[in-house]
Structures are given as structure tokens and as C-alpha cells.
Amino acid sequence: MHTAILTFEGYNELDSLIALGILNRVKEPGWRVSIASPTPRVTSMNGVTIDAAIGLDEACTADAVIVGSGSRTREVVEDLTIMSVLRGLDPARQLLAAQCSGTLILAKLGLLNDIPACTDLTTKPWVIAAGVTVLNQPFYARGTLATAGGCLAATYLATWTIAQLHSLDAAKTAMHYVAPVGEKDEYVDRALRNVTPYLDPALTSSLPR
């Protein structure tokens, strides 16, 4: 299973790299997580430069795609070349998730029609202007589409993605690993409270009622 994290110039490190770190806690044959960018290297809003593992074309073939956010997302949605490639994203054959201003990209691609979404407070008016209802909560999903608002809500996107592609137990284990010592159960429980209402009931049947 391959997850691509779309990461653009001016990216937010918390959004792309928290998801990357949690998703890579799954140690299974064939499990792969890649930073995907339109250029070989991108620099964050705080000056952290990273190499892309794959391009946007390959990202569009991944089993799951997380659209990261950043300070230049409004430039991204005005870039006809980038948006043309991203029209290859398809919720009928892959999981699609967006973090903060990444929600604006999904909205501009027409993937959030009639679906409410989550985003950060700065991006909220732009997403509303794109015709999407914005929820006052950190995470929401419907079917194969998920959105999150607030940098640390990246933990919920990672939990949702692992649960969908692998198992809920794997998601709990990954979150337990990264959670602060002495607060691990609390962090895992919070992630489950936010994510499990939007999972297939078959995935959550083993949870205590």
C-alpha cells in the first residue's frame, strides 16, 4: 500500500512530516509512504528544504493521497500545470485526505461538492468562497474523502489512513508509539473518538461499546 503526501513550496512541516512519521510506524511488506512534489526539492514556510521521493503524476496512482498545506496554497490552485496533473486524483479508486489549506486544493478540484470539510481558520474563508461548508471540528470524512483542520490534526489523518489501508489495530499502535509518555492512552482515545465515527462499522466492531 502506497500513501503519497503532497508537499508544495512553502509547505507546513507539521502537516506533511507528522503524517509521514506516523504512517511510517507501520512496518509491513509493501507499505510505502512518499513525499510527492511538483519539483525535486521544496522549502517549507520556515526554511526546511526536503527532497521529493516522487512527482505528482506518480502520486495520482497511490492508494492514498494526503494533500498537505502551506503558505503558498493559493498560488498552487492558480497554477494550471499543477492542477491539471492533480485532476488525476480519483476518490473512486483511492483515499484522498487534505490537511488545512490542502482542503482548498480538493475544493478547487471539485472533489468536495456537497461534502462539508475541515480546514484551518486562515483558509476557512477561501474554502467557503469555493462553495464548501466548513465545519468547526478537527476532522471529518465521508467515504474515501477526509479533511482535517489545525496542524496537529495531522494525527487524525494518519490514524484514518492507516485504519483504512491496514487496520484499526495498526492505527492504534502507531499513535501509541508517537504519543507522549504518560499520556499515551489519552492520545489514542482522542484519535479514536475523532476518527472512528467516519470509518466503516466493520473496522470498528472490536472496539468497546
N, C-alpha and C. Protein backbone atom coordinates (compact mmCIF):
# COMPACT_ATOMS: atom_id res chain seq x y z
N MET A 1 0.83 -1.19 0.00
CA MET A 1 0.00 0.00 0.00
C MET A 1 0.87 1.25 0.00
N HIS A 2 0.55 2.17 -0.88
CA HIS A 2 1.36 3.37 -1.05
C HIS A 2 0.55 4.61 -0.70
N THR A 3 1.09 5.44 0.19
CA THR A 3 0.50 6.73 0.52
C THR A 3 1.43 7.83 0.07
N ALA A 4 0.90 8.79 -0.68
CA ALA A 4 1.67 9.95 -1.12
C ALA A 4 1.21 11.17 -0.35
N ILE A 5 2.16 11.96 0.14
CA ILE A 5 1.86 13.20 0.85
C ILE A 5 2.26 14.36 -0.04
N LEU A 6 1.28 15.05 -0.60
CA LEU A 6 1.56 16.17 -1.49
C LEU A 6 2.13 17.34 -0.70
N THR A 7 3.32 17.78 -1.10
CA THR A 7 4.08 18.77 -0.34
C THR A 7 4.61 19.81 -1.32
N PHE A 8 4.15 21.04 -1.16
CA PHE A 8 4.47 22.09 -2.11
C PHE A 8 5.44 23.11 -1.52
N GLU A 9 5.97 23.98 -2.39
CA GLU A 9 6.83 25.07 -1.93
C GLU A 9 6.06 25.88 -0.87
N GLY A 10 6.77 26.19 0.23
CA GLY A 10 6.13 26.89 1.34
C GLY A 10 5.32 25.97 2.23
N TYR A 11 5.60 24.66 2.17
CA TYR A 11 4.81 23.69 2.93
C TYR A 11 4.93 23.89 4.44
N ASN A 12 3.92 23.41 5.14
CA ASN A 12 3.91 23.42 6.60
C ASN A 12 4.52 22.11 7.09
N GLU A 13 5.63 22.20 7.79
CA GLU A 13 6.34 21.00 8.23
C GLU A 13 5.46 20.09 9.10
N LEU A 14 4.68 20.69 9.98
CA LEU A 14 3.86 19.90 10.89
C LEU A 14 2.87 19.03 10.12
N ASP A 15 2.30 19.58 9.07
CA ASP A 15 1.29 18.84 8.33
C ASP A 15 1.89 17.67 7.57
N SER A 16 2.91 17.92 6.77
CA SER A 16 3.49 16.86 5.95
C SER A 16 4.30 15.86 6.78
N LEU A 17 5.11 16.35 7.71
CA LEU A 17 6.07 15.47 8.37
C LEU A 17 5.50 14.70 9.55
N ILE A 18 4.48 15.25 10.24
CA ILE A 18 3.83 14.46 11.28
C ILE A 18 3.13 13.25 10.66
N ALA A 19 2.40 13.50 9.58
CA ALA A 19 1.74 12.38 8.89
C ALA A 19 2.76 11.37 8.40
N LEU A 20 3.86 11.87 7.82
CA LEU A 20 4.92 10.97 7.33
C LEU A 20 5.46 10.09 8.45
N GLY A 21 5.75 10.71 9.60
CA GLY A 21 6.31 9.96 10.72
C GLY A 21 5.37 8.90 11.27
N ILE A 22 4.10 9.24 11.43
CA ILE A 22 3.14 8.28 11.99
C ILE A 22 2.86 7.15 11.00
N LEU A 23 2.66 7.50 9.74
CA LEU A 23 2.38 6.47 8.73
C LEU A 23 3.53 5.48 8.61
N ASN A 24 4.75 5.95 8.79
CA ASN A 24 5.90 5.06 8.68
C ASN A 24 6.11 4.18 9.91
N ARG A 25 5.24 4.30 10.91
CA ARG A 25 5.30 3.38 12.04
C ARG A 25 4.72 2.02 11.67
N VAL A 26 4.04 1.94 10.55
CA VAL A 26 3.54 0.65 10.07
C VAL A 26 4.70 -0.05 9.36
N LYS A 27 5.08 -1.20 9.86
CA LYS A 27 6.21 -1.94 9.31
C LYS A 27 5.68 -3.23 8.68
N GLU A 28 5.20 -3.12 7.48
CA GLU A 28 4.66 -4.26 6.76
C GLU A 28 5.24 -4.30 5.36
N PRO A 29 5.45 -5.49 4.80
CA PRO A 29 5.94 -5.57 3.42
C PRO A 29 4.99 -4.85 2.47
N GLY A 30 5.55 -4.05 1.60
CA GLY A 30 4.74 -3.33 0.63
C GLY A 30 4.16 -2.02 1.11
N TRP A 31 4.34 -1.71 2.40
CA TRP A 31 3.84 -0.44 2.94
C TRP A 31 4.84 0.65 2.60
N ARG A 32 4.39 1.71 1.97
CA ARG A 32 5.28 2.76 1.47
C ARG A 32 4.63 4.12 1.65
N VAL A 33 5.42 5.09 2.09
CA VAL A 33 4.94 6.46 2.26
C VAL A 33 5.93 7.39 1.58
N SER A 34 5.44 8.27 0.70
CA SER A 34 6.31 9.12 -0.10
C SER A 34 5.91 10.59 -0.02
N ILE A 35 6.92 11.45 0.06
CA ILE A 35 6.70 12.87 -0.15
C ILE A 35 6.63 13.11 -1.65
N ALA A 36 5.56 13.73 -2.10
CA ALA A 36 5.36 13.99 -3.53
C ALA A 36 5.30 15.50 -3.77
N SER A 37 6.06 15.97 -4.73
CA SER A 37 6.12 17.40 -5.01
C SER A 37 6.20 17.65 -6.51
N PRO A 38 5.86 18.86 -6.94
CA PRO A 38 5.96 19.18 -8.36
C PRO A 38 7.39 19.45 -8.82
N THR A 39 8.31 19.62 -7.86
CA THR A 39 9.72 19.87 -8.15
C THR A 39 10.57 18.91 -7.32
N PRO A 40 11.83 18.67 -7.71
CA PRO A 40 12.66 17.72 -6.95
C PRO A 40 12.87 18.11 -5.50
N ARG A 41 12.87 19.40 -5.19
CA ARG A 41 13.06 19.87 -3.82
C ARG A 41 12.05 20.97 -3.53
N VAL A 42 11.60 21.02 -2.29
CA VAL A 42 10.72 22.09 -1.84
C VAL A 42 11.21 22.60 -0.49
N THR A 43 10.97 23.88 -0.24
CA THR A 43 11.38 24.51 1.01
C THR A 43 10.15 24.94 1.78
N SER A 44 10.14 24.66 3.07
CA SER A 44 8.97 24.94 3.91
C SER A 44 8.83 26.42 4.21
N MET A 45 7.73 26.75 4.84
CA MET A 45 7.46 28.12 5.26
C MET A 45 8.47 28.61 6.28
N ASN A 46 9.20 27.68 6.90
CA ASN A 46 10.22 28.03 7.89
C ASN A 46 11.64 27.71 7.43
N GLY A 47 11.79 27.44 6.12
CA GLY A 47 13.13 27.27 5.56
C GLY A 47 13.70 25.87 5.57
N VAL A 48 12.88 24.85 5.80
CA VAL A 48 13.36 23.47 5.80
C VAL A 48 13.21 22.87 4.39
N THR A 49 14.32 22.55 3.76
CA THR A 49 14.30 22.02 2.40
C THR A 49 14.38 20.50 2.43
N ILE A 50 13.49 19.84 1.69
CA ILE A 50 13.48 18.39 1.61
C ILE A 50 13.41 17.95 0.15
N ASP A 51 13.86 16.73 -0.10
CA ASP A 51 13.78 16.15 -1.43
C ASP A 51 12.47 15.39 -1.59
N ALA A 52 11.87 15.54 -2.73
CA ALA A 52 10.67 14.75 -3.04
C ALA A 52 11.08 13.33 -3.43
N ALA A 53 10.30 12.35 -3.01
CA ALA A 53 10.57 10.97 -3.40
C ALA A 53 9.94 10.65 -4.75
N ILE A 54 8.80 11.28 -5.03
CA ILE A 54 8.09 11.04 -6.28
C ILE A 54 7.49 12.35 -6.78
N GLY A 55 7.07 12.35 -8.04
CA GLY A 55 6.40 13.51 -8.60
C GLY A 55 4.90 13.40 -8.45
N LEU A 56 4.18 14.41 -8.89
CA LEU A 56 2.73 14.44 -8.74
C LEU A 56 2.05 13.38 -9.59
N ASP A 57 2.60 13.08 -10.76
CA ASP A 57 2.00 12.05 -11.61
C ASP A 57 1.92 10.71 -10.89
N GLU A 58 3.03 10.31 -10.27
CA GLU A 58 3.04 9.04 -9.55
C GLU A 58 2.14 9.10 -8.33
N ALA A 59 2.08 10.26 -7.68
CA ALA A 59 1.20 10.40 -6.51
C ALA A 59 -0.25 10.11 -6.88
N CYS A 60 -0.64 10.48 -8.08
CA CYS A 60 -2.03 10.27 -8.51
C CYS A 60 -2.38 8.80 -8.68
N THR A 61 -1.38 7.93 -8.66
CA THR A 61 -1.63 6.48 -8.76
C THR A 61 -1.55 5.79 -7.40
N ALA A 62 -1.27 6.53 -6.32
CA ALA A 62 -1.12 5.94 -4.99
C ALA A 62 -2.45 5.45 -4.45
N ASP A 63 -2.39 4.54 -3.47
CA ASP A 63 -3.60 4.04 -2.83
C ASP A 63 -4.26 5.10 -1.96
N ALA A 64 -3.44 6.00 -1.42
CA ALA A 64 -3.95 7.10 -0.60
C ALA A 64 -3.11 8.34 -0.87
N VAL A 65 -3.75 9.48 -0.84
CA VAL A 65 -3.06 10.75 -1.06
C VAL A 65 -3.48 11.73 0.03
N ILE A 66 -2.49 12.28 0.74
CA ILE A 66 -2.74 13.33 1.72
C ILE A 66 -2.22 14.63 1.13
N VAL A 67 -3.10 15.62 1.01
CA VAL A 67 -2.72 16.91 0.45
C VAL A 67 -2.31 17.82 1.59
N GLY A 68 -1.03 18.09 1.69
CA GLY A 68 -0.53 18.93 2.76
C GLY A 68 -0.82 20.40 2.52
N SER A 69 -0.57 21.21 3.53
CA SER A 69 -0.86 22.64 3.43
C SER A 69 0.43 23.44 3.44
N GLY A 70 0.28 24.74 3.32
CA GLY A 70 1.44 25.61 3.36
C GLY A 70 1.05 27.05 3.12
N SER A 71 2.06 27.90 3.07
CA SER A 71 1.81 29.34 2.96
C SER A 71 1.53 29.79 1.53
N ARG A 72 1.70 28.87 0.55
CA ARG A 72 1.54 29.27 -0.85
C ARG A 72 0.46 28.46 -1.56
N THR A 73 -0.50 27.95 -0.80
CA THR A 73 -1.52 27.09 -1.40
C THR A 73 -2.38 27.85 -2.41
N ARG A 74 -2.64 29.11 -2.17
CA ARG A 74 -3.44 29.87 -3.13
C ARG A 74 -2.69 30.03 -4.46
N GLU A 75 -1.36 30.02 -4.42
CA GLU A 75 -0.59 30.02 -5.66
C GLU A 75 -0.71 28.66 -6.35
N VAL A 76 -0.72 27.61 -5.56
CA VAL A 76 -0.84 26.26 -6.12
C VAL A 76 -2.14 26.12 -6.91
N VAL A 77 -3.25 26.57 -6.34
CA VAL A 77 -4.53 26.38 -7.02
C VAL A 77 -4.67 27.27 -8.25
N GLU A 78 -3.80 28.26 -8.39
CA GLU A 78 -3.79 29.10 -9.59
C GLU A 78 -2.80 28.60 -10.63
N ASP A 79 -2.04 27.57 -10.29
CA ASP A 79 -1.04 27.01 -11.21
C ASP A 79 -1.72 25.96 -12.09
N LEU A 80 -1.95 26.30 -13.34
CA LEU A 80 -2.70 25.42 -14.22
C LEU A 80 -1.98 24.10 -14.47
N THR A 81 -0.66 24.12 -14.51
CA THR A 81 0.10 22.88 -14.74
C THR A 81 -0.08 21.92 -13.58
N ILE A 82 0.07 22.41 -12.36
CA ILE A 82 -0.09 21.55 -11.18
C ILE A 82 -1.51 21.03 -11.09
N MET A 83 -2.47 21.91 -11.24
CA MET A 83 -3.86 21.50 -11.08
C MET A 83 -4.29 20.52 -12.17
N SER A 84 -3.72 20.66 -13.36
CA SER A 84 -4.03 19.72 -14.44
C SER A 84 -3.58 18.31 -14.06
N VAL A 85 -2.39 18.21 -13.48
CA VAL A 85 -1.91 16.89 -13.04
C VAL A 85 -2.79 16.35 -11.92
N LEU A 86 -3.16 17.20 -10.97
CA LEU A 86 -3.93 16.75 -9.81
C LEU A 86 -5.35 16.34 -10.17
N ARG A 87 -5.80 16.67 -11.36
CA ARG A 87 -7.11 16.19 -11.79
C ARG A 87 -7.12 14.68 -12.00
N GLY A 88 -5.93 14.09 -11.90
CA GLY A 88 -5.84 12.63 -11.93
C GLY A 88 -6.21 11.97 -10.61
N LEU A 89 -6.39 12.75 -9.55
CA LEU A 89 -6.84 12.21 -8.27
C LEU A 89 -8.28 11.74 -8.42
N ASP A 90 -8.58 10.58 -7.83
CA ASP A 90 -9.90 9.99 -8.04
C ASP A 90 -10.38 9.25 -6.79
N PRO A 91 -11.37 9.81 -6.08
CA PRO A 91 -11.86 9.14 -4.86
C PRO A 91 -12.55 7.81 -5.12
N ALA A 92 -12.79 7.49 -6.37
CA ALA A 92 -13.39 6.19 -6.69
C ALA A 92 -12.38 5.06 -6.60
N ARG A 93 -11.09 5.39 -6.63
CA ARG A 93 -10.07 4.33 -6.60
C ARG A 93 -8.97 4.57 -5.57
N GLN A 94 -9.05 5.67 -4.81
CA GLN A 94 -8.01 5.93 -3.82
C GLN A 94 -8.59 6.76 -2.68
N LEU A 95 -7.94 6.67 -1.51
CA LEU A 95 -8.29 7.55 -0.40
C LEU A 95 -7.70 8.92 -0.66
N LEU A 96 -8.48 9.96 -0.40
CA LEU A 96 -8.00 11.32 -0.56
C LEU A 96 -8.24 12.08 0.74
N ALA A 97 -7.19 12.68 1.27
CA ALA A 97 -7.29 13.42 2.53
C ALA A 97 -6.58 14.76 2.36
N ALA A 98 -7.05 15.75 3.08
CA ALA A 98 -6.43 17.07 2.98
C ALA A 98 -6.26 17.68 4.36
N GLN A 99 -5.12 18.35 4.54
CA GLN A 99 -4.77 18.98 5.80
C GLN A 99 -4.82 20.50 5.64
N CYS A 100 -5.61 21.18 6.45
CA CYS A 100 -5.67 22.64 6.48
C CYS A 100 -5.88 23.24 5.09
N SER A 101 -4.92 24.01 4.56
CA SER A 101 -5.15 24.64 3.26
C SER A 101 -5.15 23.64 2.12
N GLY A 102 -4.73 22.41 2.37
CA GLY A 102 -4.87 21.37 1.36
C GLY A 102 -6.33 21.16 1.00
N THR A 103 -7.23 21.47 1.93
CA THR A 103 -8.67 21.38 1.65
C THR A 103 -9.06 22.30 0.50
N LEU A 104 -8.40 23.44 0.40
CA LEU A 104 -8.69 24.35 -0.71
C LEU A 104 -8.37 23.70 -2.05
N ILE A 105 -7.32 22.92 -2.10
CA ILE A 105 -6.96 22.23 -3.34
C ILE A 105 -8.04 21.23 -3.73
N LEU A 106 -8.51 20.43 -2.78
CA LEU A 106 -9.59 19.49 -3.09
C LEU A 106 -10.86 20.23 -3.52
N ALA A 107 -11.12 21.36 -2.87
CA ALA A 107 -12.31 22.14 -3.23
C ALA A 107 -12.21 22.66 -4.66
N LYS A 108 -11.06 23.19 -5.02
CA LYS A 108 -10.86 23.74 -6.36
C LYS A 108 -10.87 22.65 -7.43
N LEU A 109 -10.56 21.41 -7.04
CA LEU A 109 -10.63 20.29 -7.97
C LEU A 109 -12.06 19.77 -8.11
N GLY A 110 -12.99 20.33 -7.34
CA GLY A 110 -14.37 19.90 -7.41
C GLY A 110 -14.66 18.60 -6.70
N LEU A 111 -13.78 18.21 -5.78
CA LEU A 111 -13.92 16.93 -5.09
C LEU A 111 -14.73 17.02 -3.80
N LEU A 112 -15.07 18.24 -3.40
CA LEU A 112 -15.82 18.41 -2.15
C LEU A 112 -17.23 18.94 -2.41
N ASN A 113 -17.73 18.77 -3.61
CA ASN A 113 -19.09 19.18 -3.91
C ASN A 113 -20.08 18.43 -3.02
N ASP A 114 -20.92 19.18 -2.29
CA ASP A 114 -21.94 18.61 -1.40
C ASP A 114 -21.34 17.85 -0.22
N ILE A 115 -20.05 18.06 0.07
CA ILE A 115 -19.41 17.41 1.21
C ILE A 115 -18.84 18.50 2.12
N PRO A 116 -19.26 18.58 3.40
CA PRO A 116 -18.65 19.55 4.30
C PRO A 116 -17.20 19.17 4.58
N ALA A 117 -16.42 20.14 5.04
CA ALA A 117 -15.00 19.87 5.21
C ALA A 117 -14.43 20.62 6.40
N CYS A 118 -13.24 20.22 6.80
CA CYS A 118 -12.49 20.88 7.87
C CYS A 118 -11.27 21.57 7.26
N THR A 119 -10.87 22.67 7.86
CA THR A 119 -9.67 23.38 7.44
C THR A 119 -9.21 24.27 8.58
N ASP A 120 -8.10 24.96 8.40
CA ASP A 120 -7.63 25.87 9.44
C ASP A 120 -8.38 27.20 9.35
N LEU A 121 -8.24 28.02 10.37
CA LEU A 121 -9.01 29.26 10.44
C LEU A 121 -8.61 30.26 9.36
N THR A 122 -7.33 30.27 8.98
CA THR A 122 -6.88 31.19 7.94
C THR A 122 -7.49 30.84 6.59
N THR A 123 -7.55 29.55 6.29
CA THR A 123 -8.03 29.08 4.99
C THR A 123 -9.55 29.06 4.91
N LYS A 124 -10.21 29.05 6.04
CA LYS A 124 -11.67 28.89 6.08
C LYS A 124 -12.42 29.79 5.10
N PRO A 125 -12.16 31.11 5.07
CA PRO A 125 -12.94 31.94 4.14
C PRO A 125 -12.71 31.59 2.67
N TRP A 126 -11.52 31.12 2.34
CA TRP A 126 -11.24 30.77 0.94
C TRP A 126 -11.99 29.49 0.55
N VAL A 127 -12.06 28.55 1.49
CA VAL A 127 -12.79 27.30 1.22
C VAL A 127 -14.28 27.59 1.10
N ILE A 128 -14.80 28.45 1.97
CA ILE A 128 -16.20 28.84 1.89
C ILE A 128 -16.49 29.52 0.55
N ALA A 129 -15.57 30.38 0.11
CA ALA A 129 -15.73 31.07 -1.17
C ALA A 129 -15.73 30.09 -2.34
N ALA A 130 -15.09 28.95 -2.13
CA ALA A 130 -15.07 27.91 -3.17
C ALA A 130 -16.34 27.07 -3.16
N GLY A 131 -17.28 27.41 -2.25
CA GLY A 131 -18.57 26.74 -2.24
C GLY A 131 -18.68 25.56 -1.31
N VAL A 132 -17.75 25.44 -0.36
CA VAL A 132 -17.74 24.29 0.55
C VAL A 132 -18.13 24.75 1.96
N THR A 133 -18.99 24.00 2.62
CA THR A 133 -19.34 24.27 4.01
C THR A 133 -18.20 23.83 4.92
N VAL A 134 -17.74 24.71 5.78
CA VAL A 134 -16.62 24.41 6.68
C VAL A 134 -17.16 24.11 8.08
N LEU A 135 -16.74 22.98 8.63
CA LEU A 135 -17.17 22.54 9.94
C LEU A 135 -16.25 23.07 11.04
N ASN A 136 -16.78 23.29 12.21
CA ASN A 136 -15.99 23.72 13.35
C ASN A 136 -15.56 22.50 14.15
N GLN A 137 -14.73 21.68 13.54
CA GLN A 137 -14.22 20.47 14.18
C GLN A 137 -12.92 20.08 13.50
N PRO A 138 -12.12 19.21 14.15
CA PRO A 138 -10.79 18.94 13.61
C PRO A 138 -10.73 17.93 12.47
N PHE A 139 -11.75 17.08 12.35
CA PHE A 139 -11.68 16.00 11.35
C PHE A 139 -13.07 15.64 10.88
N TYR A 140 -13.16 15.34 9.58
CA TYR A 140 -14.41 14.85 9.01
C TYR A 140 -14.07 13.98 7.81
N ALA A 141 -14.84 12.92 7.64
CA ALA A 141 -14.64 12.07 6.47
C ALA A 141 -15.98 11.57 5.97
N ARG A 142 -16.05 11.36 4.67
CA ARG A 142 -17.20 10.69 4.08
C ARG A 142 -16.66 9.77 2.99
N GLY A 143 -16.88 8.48 3.18
CA GLY A 143 -16.38 7.53 2.21
C GLY A 143 -14.86 7.56 2.12
N THR A 144 -14.33 7.86 0.93
CA THR A 144 -12.88 7.87 0.71
C THR A 144 -12.28 9.26 0.79
N LEU A 145 -13.06 10.25 1.26
CA LEU A 145 -12.57 11.62 1.36
C LEU A 145 -12.52 12.06 2.82
N ALA A 146 -11.41 12.65 3.22
CA ALA A 146 -11.26 13.13 4.60
C ALA A 146 -10.56 14.48 4.60
N THR A 147 -10.91 15.32 5.56
CA THR A 147 -10.24 16.61 5.73
C THR A 147 -9.99 16.86 7.21
N ALA A 148 -8.97 17.66 7.50
CA ALA A 148 -8.63 17.98 8.89
C ALA A 148 -8.24 19.44 8.99
N GLY A 149 -8.51 20.04 10.14
CA GLY A 149 -8.18 21.43 10.38
C GLY A 149 -7.32 21.61 11.60
N GLY A 150 -6.22 22.33 11.48
CA GLY A 150 -5.28 22.52 12.58
C GLY A 150 -4.09 21.60 12.40
N CYS A 151 -2.89 22.14 12.57
CA CYS A 151 -1.67 21.37 12.27
C CYS A 151 -1.64 20.00 12.96
N LEU A 152 -1.96 19.96 14.25
CA LEU A 152 -1.85 18.70 14.98
C LEU A 152 -2.97 17.72 14.65
N ALA A 153 -3.96 18.17 13.89
CA ALA A 153 -4.98 17.23 13.41
C ALA A 153 -4.41 16.29 12.36
N ALA A 154 -3.15 16.50 11.97
CA ALA A 154 -2.46 15.55 11.10
C ALA A 154 -2.45 14.16 11.72
N THR A 155 -2.48 14.09 13.04
CA THR A 155 -2.52 12.79 13.71
C THR A 155 -3.81 12.05 13.37
N TYR A 156 -4.90 12.78 13.18
CA TYR A 156 -6.17 12.14 12.85
C TYR A 156 -6.18 11.65 11.40
N LEU A 157 -5.60 12.43 10.50
CA LEU A 157 -5.50 11.97 9.12
C LEU A 157 -4.65 10.70 9.03
N ALA A 158 -3.56 10.66 9.78
CA ALA A 158 -2.72 9.46 9.77
C ALA A 158 -3.46 8.27 10.35
N THR A 159 -4.18 8.48 11.45
CA THR A 159 -4.95 7.40 12.07
C THR A 159 -5.98 6.86 11.09
N TRP A 160 -6.72 7.76 10.43
CA TRP A 160 -7.75 7.37 9.46
C TRP A 160 -7.14 6.60 8.29
N THR A 161 -6.02 7.09 7.78
CA THR A 161 -5.39 6.46 6.62
C THR A 161 -4.91 5.05 6.95
N ILE A 162 -4.26 4.89 8.11
CA ILE A 162 -3.77 3.56 8.49
C ILE A 162 -4.94 2.61 8.73
N ALA A 163 -5.98 3.09 9.39
CA ALA A 163 -7.15 2.24 9.65
C ALA A 163 -7.77 1.77 8.34
N GLN A 164 -7.86 2.67 7.37
CA GLN A 164 -8.48 2.33 6.10
C GLN A 164 -7.62 1.40 5.25
N LEU A 165 -6.32 1.65 5.21
CA LEU A 165 -5.44 0.86 4.34
C LEU A 165 -4.94 -0.42 4.99
N HIS A 166 -4.86 -0.42 6.32
CA HIS A 166 -4.31 -1.59 7.02
C HIS A 166 -5.32 -2.13 8.02
N SER A 167 -5.38 -1.53 9.20
CA SER A 167 -6.33 -1.97 10.23
C SER A 167 -6.39 -0.93 11.33
N LEU A 168 -7.46 -0.99 12.10
CA LEU A 168 -7.59 -0.07 13.22
C LEU A 168 -6.55 -0.38 14.29
N ASP A 169 -6.23 -1.65 14.48
CA ASP A 169 -5.19 -2.00 15.46
C ASP A 169 -3.85 -1.40 15.07
N ALA A 170 -3.52 -1.41 13.79
CA ALA A 170 -2.27 -0.82 13.34
C ALA A 170 -2.27 0.68 13.57
N ALA A 171 -3.41 1.32 13.37
CA ALA A 171 -3.52 2.76 13.61
C ALA A 171 -3.32 3.07 15.10
N LYS A 172 -3.93 2.28 15.96
CA LYS A 172 -3.78 2.48 17.40
C LYS A 172 -2.33 2.29 17.83
N THR A 173 -1.68 1.28 17.29
CA THR A 173 -0.28 1.01 17.63
C THR A 173 0.62 2.16 17.20
N ALA A 174 0.39 2.69 16.00
CA ALA A 174 1.20 3.80 15.50
C ALA A 174 1.02 5.04 16.37
N MET A 175 -0.23 5.35 16.72
CA MET A 175 -0.48 6.51 17.56
C MET A 175 0.10 6.33 18.96
N HIS A 176 -0.01 5.12 19.49
CA HIS A 176 0.53 4.84 20.82
C HIS A 176 2.03 5.07 20.84
N TYR A 177 2.70 4.71 19.77
CA TYR A 177 4.16 4.87 19.69
C TYR A 177 4.57 6.34 19.77
N VAL A 178 3.86 7.21 19.04
CA VAL A 178 4.29 8.61 18.95
C VAL A 178 3.74 9.49 20.07
N ALA A 179 2.75 9.00 20.80
CA ALA A 179 2.12 9.82 21.84
C ALA A 179 3.08 10.04 23.02
N PRO A 180 2.91 11.14 23.76
CA PRO A 180 3.78 11.43 24.90
C PRO A 180 3.69 10.34 25.98
N VAL A 181 4.81 10.06 26.59
CA VAL A 181 4.86 9.11 27.69
C VAL A 181 3.97 9.61 28.83
N GLY A 182 3.20 8.72 29.41
CA GLY A 182 2.30 9.08 30.48
C GLY A 182 0.95 9.56 30.00
N GLU A 183 0.82 9.80 28.67
CA GLU A 183 -0.45 10.26 28.10
C GLU A 183 -0.85 9.43 26.88
N LYS A 184 -0.22 8.28 26.73
CA LYS A 184 -0.43 7.50 25.51
C LYS A 184 -1.88 7.06 25.33
N ASP A 185 -2.47 6.52 26.36
CA ASP A 185 -3.86 6.07 26.24
C ASP A 185 -4.79 7.24 25.93
N GLU A 186 -4.53 8.38 26.55
CA GLU A 186 -5.34 9.57 26.32
C GLU A 186 -5.26 10.01 24.86
N TYR A 187 -4.06 10.01 24.30
CA TYR A 187 -3.89 10.43 22.91
C TYR A 187 -4.55 9.46 21.95
N VAL A 188 -4.38 8.16 22.21
CA VAL A 188 -5.00 7.16 21.34
C VAL A 188 -6.52 7.27 21.41
N ASP A 189 -7.05 7.42 22.61
CA ASP A 189 -8.51 7.54 22.78
C ASP A 189 -9.05 8.76 22.04
N ARG A 190 -8.32 9.88 22.11
CA ARG A 190 -8.78 11.08 21.44
C ARG A 190 -8.80 10.89 19.92
N ALA A 191 -7.77 10.26 19.41
CA ALA A 191 -7.72 9.99 17.97
C ALA A 191 -8.89 9.10 17.55
N LEU A 192 -9.17 8.07 18.34
CA LEU A 192 -10.27 7.16 18.01
C LEU A 192 -11.62 7.87 18.08
N ARG A 193 -11.80 8.75 19.06
CA ARG A 193 -13.07 9.48 19.17
C ARG A 193 -13.33 10.33 17.94
N ASN A 194 -12.28 10.90 17.40
CA ASN A 194 -12.44 11.78 16.25
C ASN A 194 -12.56 11.03 14.92
N VAL A 195 -11.94 9.87 14.83
CA VAL A 195 -11.85 9.17 13.55
C VAL A 195 -12.88 8.07 13.38
N THR A 196 -13.12 7.27 14.41
CA THR A 196 -13.95 6.07 14.23
C THR A 196 -15.39 6.35 13.80
N PRO A 197 -16.01 7.50 14.14
CA PRO A 197 -17.37 7.72 13.64
C PRO A 197 -17.45 7.74 12.11
N TYR A 198 -16.31 7.91 11.44
CA TYR A 198 -16.31 8.02 9.98
C TYR A 198 -15.72 6.79 9.29
N LEU A 199 -15.45 5.75 10.06
CA LEU A 199 -14.93 4.51 9.49
C LEU A 199 -16.06 3.53 9.23
N ASP A 200 -15.82 2.60 8.33
CA ASP A 200 -16.76 1.50 8.09
C ASP A 200 -16.98 0.77 9.41
N PRO A 201 -18.24 0.51 9.79
CA PRO A 201 -18.51 -0.19 11.05
C PRO A 201 -17.76 -1.51 11.18
N ALA A 202 -17.47 -2.14 10.06
CA ALA A 202 -16.74 -3.41 10.11
C ALA A 202 -15.34 -3.23 10.69
N LEU A 203 -14.76 -2.03 10.52
CA LEU A 203 -13.42 -1.77 11.03
C LEU A 203 -13.42 -1.50 12.52
N THR A 204 -14.56 -1.11 13.07
CA THR A 204 -14.63 -0.70 14.48
C THR A 204 -15.42 -1.65 15.35
N SER A 205 -15.78 -2.81 14.81
CA SER A 205 -16.65 -3.74 15.53
C SER A 205 -16.02 -4.30 16.80
N SER A 206 -14.65 -4.27 16.84
CA SER A 206 -13.97 -4.83 18.02
C SER A 206 -13.78 -3.81 19.13
N LEU A 207 -14.14 -2.56 18.89
CA LEU A 207 -13.97 -1.54 19.92
C LEU A 207 -14.99 -1.73 21.04
N PRO A 208 -14.59 -1.41 22.28
CA PRO A 208 -15.56 -1.49 23.38
C PRO A 208 -16.67 -0.49 23.21
N ARG A 209 -17.88 -0.89 23.54
CA ARG A 209 -19.06 -0.02 23.39
C ARG A 209 -19.33 0.72 24.69
